C-alpha atoms as a PDB file:
ATOM      1  CA  MET A   1      70.518 142.570  79.111  1.00  0.00           C
ATOM      2  CA  GLU A   2      72.419 141.430  82.183  1.00  0.00           C
ATOM      3  CA  VAL A   3      72.896 137.740  82.877  1.00  0.00           C
ATOM      4  CA  SER A   4      74.005 136.360  86.202  1.00  0.00           C
ATOM      5  CA  ILE A   5      75.372 132.856  86.665  1.00  0.00           C
ATOM      6  CA  GLU A   6      74.570 130.706  89.672  1.00  0.00           C
ATOM      7  CA  VAL A   7      77.254 128.074  90.317  1.00  0.00           C
ATOM      8  CA  VAL A   8      75.856 124.874  91.849  1.00  0.00           C
ATOM      9  CA  ARG A   9      77.772 121.658  92.557  1.00  0.00           C
ATOM     10  CA  SER A  10      76.298 118.442  91.232  1.00  0.00           C
ATOM     11  CA  PRO A  11      75.185 115.904  93.875  1.00  0.00           C
ATOM     12  CA  ASP A  12      77.959 113.569  92.632  1.00  0.00           C
ATOM     13  CA  PHE A  13      80.645 116.316  92.685  1.00  0.00           C
ATOM     14  CA  LYS A  14      84.055 115.146  93.886  1.00  0.00           C
ATOM     15  CA  GLN A  15      87.473 116.710  94.157  1.00  0.00           C
ATOM     16  CA  VAL A  16      90.508 114.871  92.799  1.00  0.00           C
ATOM     17  CA  TYR A  17      94.097 115.623  93.836  1.00  0.00           C
ATOM     18  CA  ALA A  18      96.604 114.852  91.084  1.00  0.00           C
ATOM     19  CA  ILE A  19     100.378 115.065  90.788  1.00  0.00           C
ATOM     20  CA  GLY A  20     100.281 115.220  87.007  1.00  0.00           C
ATOM     21  CA  ALA A  21      98.285 115.164  83.817  1.00  0.00           C
ATOM     22  CA  ILE A  22      98.584 113.367  80.510  1.00  0.00           C
ATOM     23  CA  GLY A  23      96.509 113.567  77.387  1.00  0.00           C
ATOM     24  CA  GLY A  24      96.294 114.730  73.844  1.00  0.00           C
ATOM     25  CA  HIS A  25      93.977 116.146  71.220  1.00  0.00           C
ATOM     26  CA  SER A  26      92.139 115.364  68.019  1.00  0.00           C
ATOM     27  CA  PRO A  27      90.533 117.782  65.573  1.00  0.00           C
ATOM     28  CA  TYR A  28      87.384 117.543  67.724  1.00  0.00           C
ATOM     29  CA  ASP A  29      88.492 117.693  71.357  1.00  0.00           C
ATOM     30  CA  PHE A  30      91.244 117.879  73.967  1.00  0.00           C
ATOM     31  CA  ARG A  31      91.560 115.151  76.612  1.00  0.00           C
ATOM     32  CA  ILE A  32      93.328 115.633  79.930  1.00  0.00           C
ATOM     33  CA  ALA A  33      93.668 112.700  82.336  1.00  0.00           C
ATOM     34  CA  PHE A  34      94.797 113.475  85.878  1.00  0.00           C
ATOM     35  CA  TYR A  35      96.907 110.908  87.731  1.00  0.00           C
ATOM     36  CA  ASN A  36      98.815 109.976  90.875  1.00  0.00           C
ATOM     37  CA  ASP A  37     101.890 107.715  91.030  1.00  0.00           C
ATOM     38  CA  SER A  38     102.569 105.076  93.693  1.00  0.00           C
ATOM     39  CA  PRO A  39     105.742 102.991  93.911  1.00  0.00           C
ATOM     40  CA  LYS A  40     105.150  99.241  94.080  1.00  0.00           C
ATOM     41  CA  GLY A  41     107.939  96.950  95.261  1.00  0.00           C
ATOM     42  CA  LEU A  42     108.064  93.661  93.336  1.00  0.00           C
ATOM     43  CA  PHE A  43     110.396  90.698  93.465  1.00  0.00           C
ATOM     44  CA  GLU A  44     111.584  89.263  90.156  1.00  0.00           C
ATOM     45  CA  SER A  45     114.256  86.547  89.940  1.00  0.00           C
ATOM     46  CA  GLY A  46     115.152  87.159  93.562  1.00  0.00           C
ATOM     47  CA  LYS A  47     115.734  90.898  93.067  1.00  0.00           C
ATOM     48  CA  GLN A  48     113.507  93.662  94.304  1.00  0.00           C
ATOM     49  CA  ILE A  49     112.434  96.080  91.585  1.00  0.00           C
ATOM     50  CA  THR A  50     110.324  99.200  91.885  1.00  0.00           C
ATOM     51  CA  VAL A  51     107.465  99.756  89.481  1.00  0.00           C
ATOM     52  CA  MET A  52     105.475 102.970  89.480  1.00  0.00           C
ATOM     53  CA  GLU A  53     101.742 102.472  89.288  1.00  0.00           C
ATOM     54  CA  ARG A  54     100.094 105.438  87.565  1.00  0.00           C
ATOM     55  CA  LEU A  55      96.447 105.634  88.629  1.00  0.00           C
ATOM     56  CA  ILE A  56      94.252 107.881  86.508  1.00  0.00           C
ATOM     57  CA  GLY A  57      91.577 109.384  88.718  1.00  0.00           C
ATOM     58  CA  THR A  58      89.577 111.311  86.171  1.00  0.00           C
ATOM     59  CA  GLU A  59      89.618 112.523  82.569  1.00  0.00           C
ATOM     60  CA  VAL A  60      88.270 115.816  81.252  1.00  0.00           C
ATOM     61  CA  ILE A  61      87.249 116.194  77.604  1.00  0.00           C
ATOM     62  CA  LEU A  62      87.097 119.762  76.276  1.00  0.00           C
ATOM     63  CA  SER A  63      86.164 121.403  73.006  1.00  0.00           C
ATOM     64  CA  PRO A  64      89.062 123.263  71.335  1.00  0.00           C
ATOM     65  CA  LEU A  65      87.554 126.602  72.434  1.00  0.00           C
ATOM     66  CA  ALA A  66      87.085 125.417  76.022  1.00  0.00           C
ATOM     67  CA  ALA A  67      90.686 124.118  76.056  1.00  0.00           C
ATOM     68  CA  LYS A  68      91.977 127.499  74.881  1.00  0.00           C
ATOM     69  CA  GLU A  69      89.896 129.307  77.503  1.00  0.00           C
ATOM     70  CA  LEU A  70      91.208 126.910  80.176  1.00  0.00           C
ATOM     71  CA  ALA A  71      94.810 127.610  79.086  1.00  0.00           C
ATOM     72  CA  THR A  72      94.193 131.373  79.298  1.00  0.00           C
ATOM     73  CA  TRP A  73      92.567 131.058  82.732  1.00  0.00           C
ATOM     74  CA  LEU A  74      95.317 128.760  84.037  1.00  0.00           C
ATOM     75  CA  ASN A  75      98.146 130.996  82.724  1.00  0.00           C
ATOM     76  CA  ALA A  76      96.553 134.035  84.397  1.00  0.00           C
ATOM     77  CA  HIS A  77      96.259 132.205  87.729  1.00  0.00           C
ATOM     78  CA  ILE A  78      99.835 130.907  87.506  1.00  0.00           C
ATOM     79  CA  ALA A  79     101.052 134.474  86.897  1.00  0.00           C
ATOM     80  CA  ASP A  80      99.074 135.704  89.934  1.00  0.00           C
ATOM     81  CA  TYR A  81     100.446 132.854  92.072  1.00  0.00           C
ATOM     82  CA  GLU A  82     104.040 133.615  91.046  1.00  0.00           C
ATOM     83  CA  LYS A  83     103.578 137.319  91.832  1.00  0.00           C
ATOM     84  CA  MET A  84     102.486 136.377  95.352  1.00  0.00           C
ATOM     85  CA  PHE A  85     104.756 133.407  96.122  1.00  0.00           C
ATOM     86  CA  GLY A  86     107.628 133.491  93.618  1.00  0.00           C
ATOM     87  CA  GLU A  87     108.468 131.419  90.577  1.00  0.00           C
ATOM     88  CA  ILE A  88     107.219 127.841  90.455  1.00  0.00           C
ATOM     89  CA  LYS A  89     110.326 125.765  89.807  1.00  0.00           C
ATOM     90  CA  LYS A  90     110.545 122.338  88.212  1.00  0.00           C
ATOM     91  CA  PRO A  91     112.486 119.564  89.987  1.00  0.00           C
ATOM     92  CA  ALA A  92     116.132 118.981  89.026  1.00  0.00           C
ATOM     93  CA  PRO A  93     116.563 117.507  85.534  1.00  0.00           C
ATOM     94  CA  PRO A  94     116.596 113.686  85.461  1.00  0.00           C
ATOM     95  CA  ALA A  95     120.326 113.636  84.539  1.00  0.00           C
ATOM     96  CA  GLN A  96     121.192 115.212  87.918  1.00  0.00           C
ATOM     97  CA  ALA A  97     118.673 113.091  89.804  1.00  0.00           C
ATOM     98  CA  ALA A  98     119.940 109.896  88.103  1.00  0.00           C
ATOM     99  CA  ALA A  99     123.336 110.248  89.775  1.00  0.00           C
ATOM    100  CA  ALA A 100     121.619 109.951  93.153  1.00  0.00           C
ATOM    101  CA  SER A 101     118.988 107.393  92.109  1.00  0.00           C
ATOM    102  CA  PRO A 102     119.149 103.985  90.404  1.00  0.00           C
ATOM    103  CA  VAL A 103     115.822 104.684  88.645  1.00  0.00           C
ATOM    104  CA  ALA A 104     116.210 105.111  84.873  1.00  0.00           C
ATOM    105  CA  ALA A 105     116.217 108.728  83.746  1.00  0.00           C
ATOM    106  CA  SER A 106     114.100 110.306  81.014  1.00  0.00           C
ATOM    107  CA  PRO A 107     115.732 111.032  77.652  1.00  0.00           C
ATOM    108  CA  PRO A 108     118.043 114.088  77.833  1.00  0.00           C
ATOM    109  CA  ASP A 109     115.842 116.132  75.484  1.00  0.00           C
ATOM    110  CA  SER A 110     112.782 115.620  77.712  1.00  0.00           C
ATOM    111  CA  LYS A 111     111.250 118.947  78.790  1.00  0.00           C
ATOM    112  CA  SER A 112     108.886 117.469  81.363  1.00  0.00           C
ATOM    113  CA  ALA A 113     109.638 116.374  84.904  1.00  0.00           C
ATOM    114  CA  HIS A 114     110.594 112.766  85.580  1.00  0.00           C
ATOM    115  CA  LEU A 115     107.669 110.290  85.265  1.00  0.00           C
ATOM    116  CA  GLN A 116     105.477 112.602  83.216  1.00  0.00           C
ATOM    117  CA  GLY A 117     104.370 112.136  79.635  1.00  0.00           C
ATOM    118  CA  TYR A 118     101.509 111.458  77.275  1.00  0.00           C
ATOM    119  CA  MET A 119      99.224 108.466  76.891  1.00  0.00           C
END
């Protein structure tokens, strides 16, 4: 028996651009929240400080099987992308960026880019 799938967008479909994702898992599901960061200049005690506002645009909740299938699909597409355009490189480690920026750096053992993490 052959089954074909028709892909149809919901009337309330929307696209969300995100610079990062945070989330976690439980025994029942995986949660991925997609966010964008915006610097906000504030004045405190006469000094200007910069605070990053992290706005979460959407969250996706997946079953463990769906999360594993997503990881497989994403890894395959990343491999295809890198074959066509070259290796995707992470920004300089925070220790190097901290010398040029007064913003506090992530801990030295951090493996993620600056300003990324988990909820």
